[in-house]
Amino acid sequence: MTRTVAVRYAFGIVGEASREAHLATAPGTGVPAAWRTFCGVEIPAHEAEVSDRPAGMPCVCCLTNLTRSITW
């Protein structure tokens, strides 16, 4: 089973303005080497902060891609 998580760069890796919360699909088990977000950004796992809940400013592109995948 997979789930959607919020992923952003950890504190100190990039400037605060670049720490927007992206959305990514978490694998059923383990941690990927890099998180591939819904907008196409790849965040290396060792530089990532991952949360089951939104944290920080959301990435608008990720939100847009999420809503496109929902069948209304």
C-alpha atoms as a PDB file:
ATOM      1  CA  MET A   1       0.000   0.000   0.000  1.00  0.00           C
ATOM      2  CA  THR A   2       1.256   3.490  -0.827  1.00  0.00           C
ATOM      3  CA  ARG A   3       0.378   6.839   0.682  1.00  0.00           C
ATOM      4  CA  THR A   4       0.997  10.498  -0.106  1.00  0.00           C
ATOM      5  CA  VAL A   5       3.427  12.349   2.154  1.00  0.00           C
ATOM      6  CA  ALA A   6       4.792  15.878   2.384  1.00  0.00           C
ATOM      7  CA  VAL A   7       8.510  16.109   1.584  1.00  0.00           C
ATOM      8  CA  ARG A   8      10.732  19.154   1.838  1.00  0.00           C
ATOM      9  CA  TYR A   9      14.414  19.894   2.172  1.00  0.00           C
ATOM     10  CA  ALA A  10      15.638  19.625   5.757  1.00  0.00           C
ATOM     11  CA  PHE A  11      16.574  22.766   7.671  1.00  0.00           C
ATOM     12  CA  GLY A  12      19.968  24.114   6.606  1.00  0.00           C
ATOM     13  CA  ILE A  13      20.131  22.336   3.226  1.00  0.00           C
ATOM     14  CA  VAL A  14      18.536  25.177   1.234  1.00  0.00           C
ATOM     15  CA  GLY A  15      17.274  28.643   2.065  1.00  0.00           C
ATOM     16  CA  GLU A  16      13.938  28.929   3.873  1.00  0.00           C
ATOM     17  CA  ALA A  17      12.188  30.196   0.713  1.00  0.00           C
ATOM     18  CA  SER A  18      13.088  26.924  -1.049  1.00  0.00           C
ATOM     19  CA  ARG A  19      11.694  24.659   1.667  1.00  0.00           C
ATOM     20  CA  GLU A  20       8.200  24.409   0.264  1.00  0.00           C
ATOM     21  CA  ALA A  21       6.316  21.217   1.061  1.00  0.00           C
ATOM     22  CA  HIS A  22       6.126  18.954  -1.978  1.00  0.00           C
ATOM     23  CA  LEU A  23       3.913  15.883  -2.281  1.00  0.00           C
ATOM     24  CA  ALA A  24       5.304  12.442  -3.037  1.00  0.00           C
ATOM     25  CA  THR A  25       4.154   8.848  -2.938  1.00  0.00           C
ATOM     26  CA  ALA A  26       5.762   6.855  -0.139  1.00  0.00           C
ATOM     27  CA  PRO A  27       6.645   3.265  -0.959  1.00  0.00           C
ATOM     28  CA  GLY A  28       4.968   0.474   0.978  1.00  0.00           C
ATOM     29  CA  THR A  29       8.222  -0.361   2.763  1.00  0.00           C
ATOM     30  CA  GLY A  30      11.591   1.291   3.212  1.00  0.00           C
ATOM     31  CA  VAL A  31      12.810   4.728   2.196  1.00  0.00           C
ATOM     32  CA  PRO A  32      13.669   5.603  -1.421  1.00  0.00           C
ATOM     33  CA  ALA A  33      17.138   6.915  -2.283  1.00  0.00           C
ATOM     34  CA  ALA A  34      15.405  10.080  -3.526  1.00  0.00           C
ATOM     35  CA  TRP A  35      11.845  11.338  -3.232  1.00  0.00           C
ATOM     36  CA  ARG A  36      10.315  12.058  -6.656  1.00  0.00           C
ATOM     37  CA  THR A  37       7.627  14.675  -6.060  1.00  0.00           C
ATOM     38  CA  PHE A  38       4.375  15.177  -7.983  1.00  0.00           C
ATOM     39  CA  CYS A  39       5.897  18.260  -9.665  1.00  0.00           C
ATOM     40  CA  GLY A  40       9.051  16.392 -10.740  1.00  0.00           C
ATOM     41  CA  VAL A  41      11.561  17.605  -8.146  1.00  0.00           C
ATOM     42  CA  GLU A  42      13.892  14.918  -6.772  1.00  0.00           C
ATOM     43  CA  ILE A  43      14.894  15.372  -3.144  1.00  0.00           C
ATOM     44  CA  PRO A  44      17.649  13.013  -1.930  1.00  0.00           C
ATOM     45  CA  ALA A  45      16.447  11.008   1.089  1.00  0.00           C
ATOM     46  CA  HIS A  46      19.402  12.135   3.222  1.00  0.00           C
ATOM     47  CA  GLU A  47      18.396  15.790   2.622  1.00  0.00           C
ATOM     48  CA  ALA A  48      14.642  15.288   3.112  1.00  0.00           C
ATOM     49  CA  GLU A  49      12.225  16.005   5.905  1.00  0.00           C
ATOM     50  CA  VAL A  50       9.148  13.779   5.495  1.00  0.00           C
ATOM     51  CA  SER A  51       5.763  14.172   7.174  1.00  0.00           C
ATOM     52  CA  ASP A  52       2.398  12.420   6.971  1.00  0.00           C
ATOM     53  CA  ARG A  53       0.838  15.858   7.454  1.00  0.00           C
ATOM     54  CA  PRO A  54       1.385  19.079   5.507  1.00  0.00           C
ATOM     55  CA  ALA A  55       4.241  21.145   6.887  1.00  0.00           C
ATOM     56  CA  GLY A  56       5.179  24.561   5.569  1.00  0.00           C
ATOM     57  CA  MET A  57       4.258  26.386   2.396  1.00  0.00           C
ATOM     58  CA  PRO A  58       2.767  23.918  -0.119  1.00  0.00           C
ATOM     59  CA  CYS A  59       4.093  23.505  -3.641  1.00  0.00           C
ATOM     60  CA  VAL A  60       1.303  24.721  -5.923  1.00  0.00           C
ATOM     61  CA  CYS A  61       2.483  22.499  -8.800  1.00  0.00           C
ATOM     62  CA  CYS A  62       2.289  19.397  -6.589  1.00  0.00           C
ATOM     63  CA  LEU A  63      -1.207  20.362  -5.452  1.00  0.00           C
ATOM     64  CA  THR A  64      -2.287  20.898  -9.050  1.00  0.00           C
ATOM     65  CA  ASN A  65      -0.937  17.505 -10.095  1.00  0.00           C
ATOM     66  CA  LEU A  66      -2.640  15.873  -7.108  1.00  0.00           C
ATOM     67  CA  THR A  67      -6.031  17.291  -8.022  1.00  0.00           C
ATOM     68  CA  ARG A  68      -5.589  16.173 -11.644  1.00  0.00           C
ATOM     69  CA  SER A  69      -5.254  12.571 -10.473  1.00  0.00           C
ATOM     70  CA  ILE A  70      -8.535  12.661  -8.530  1.00  0.00           C
ATOM     71  CA  THR A  71     -11.654  11.521 -10.352  1.00  0.00           C
ATOM     72  CA  TRP A  72     -14.516  13.811  -9.466  1.00  0.00           C
END
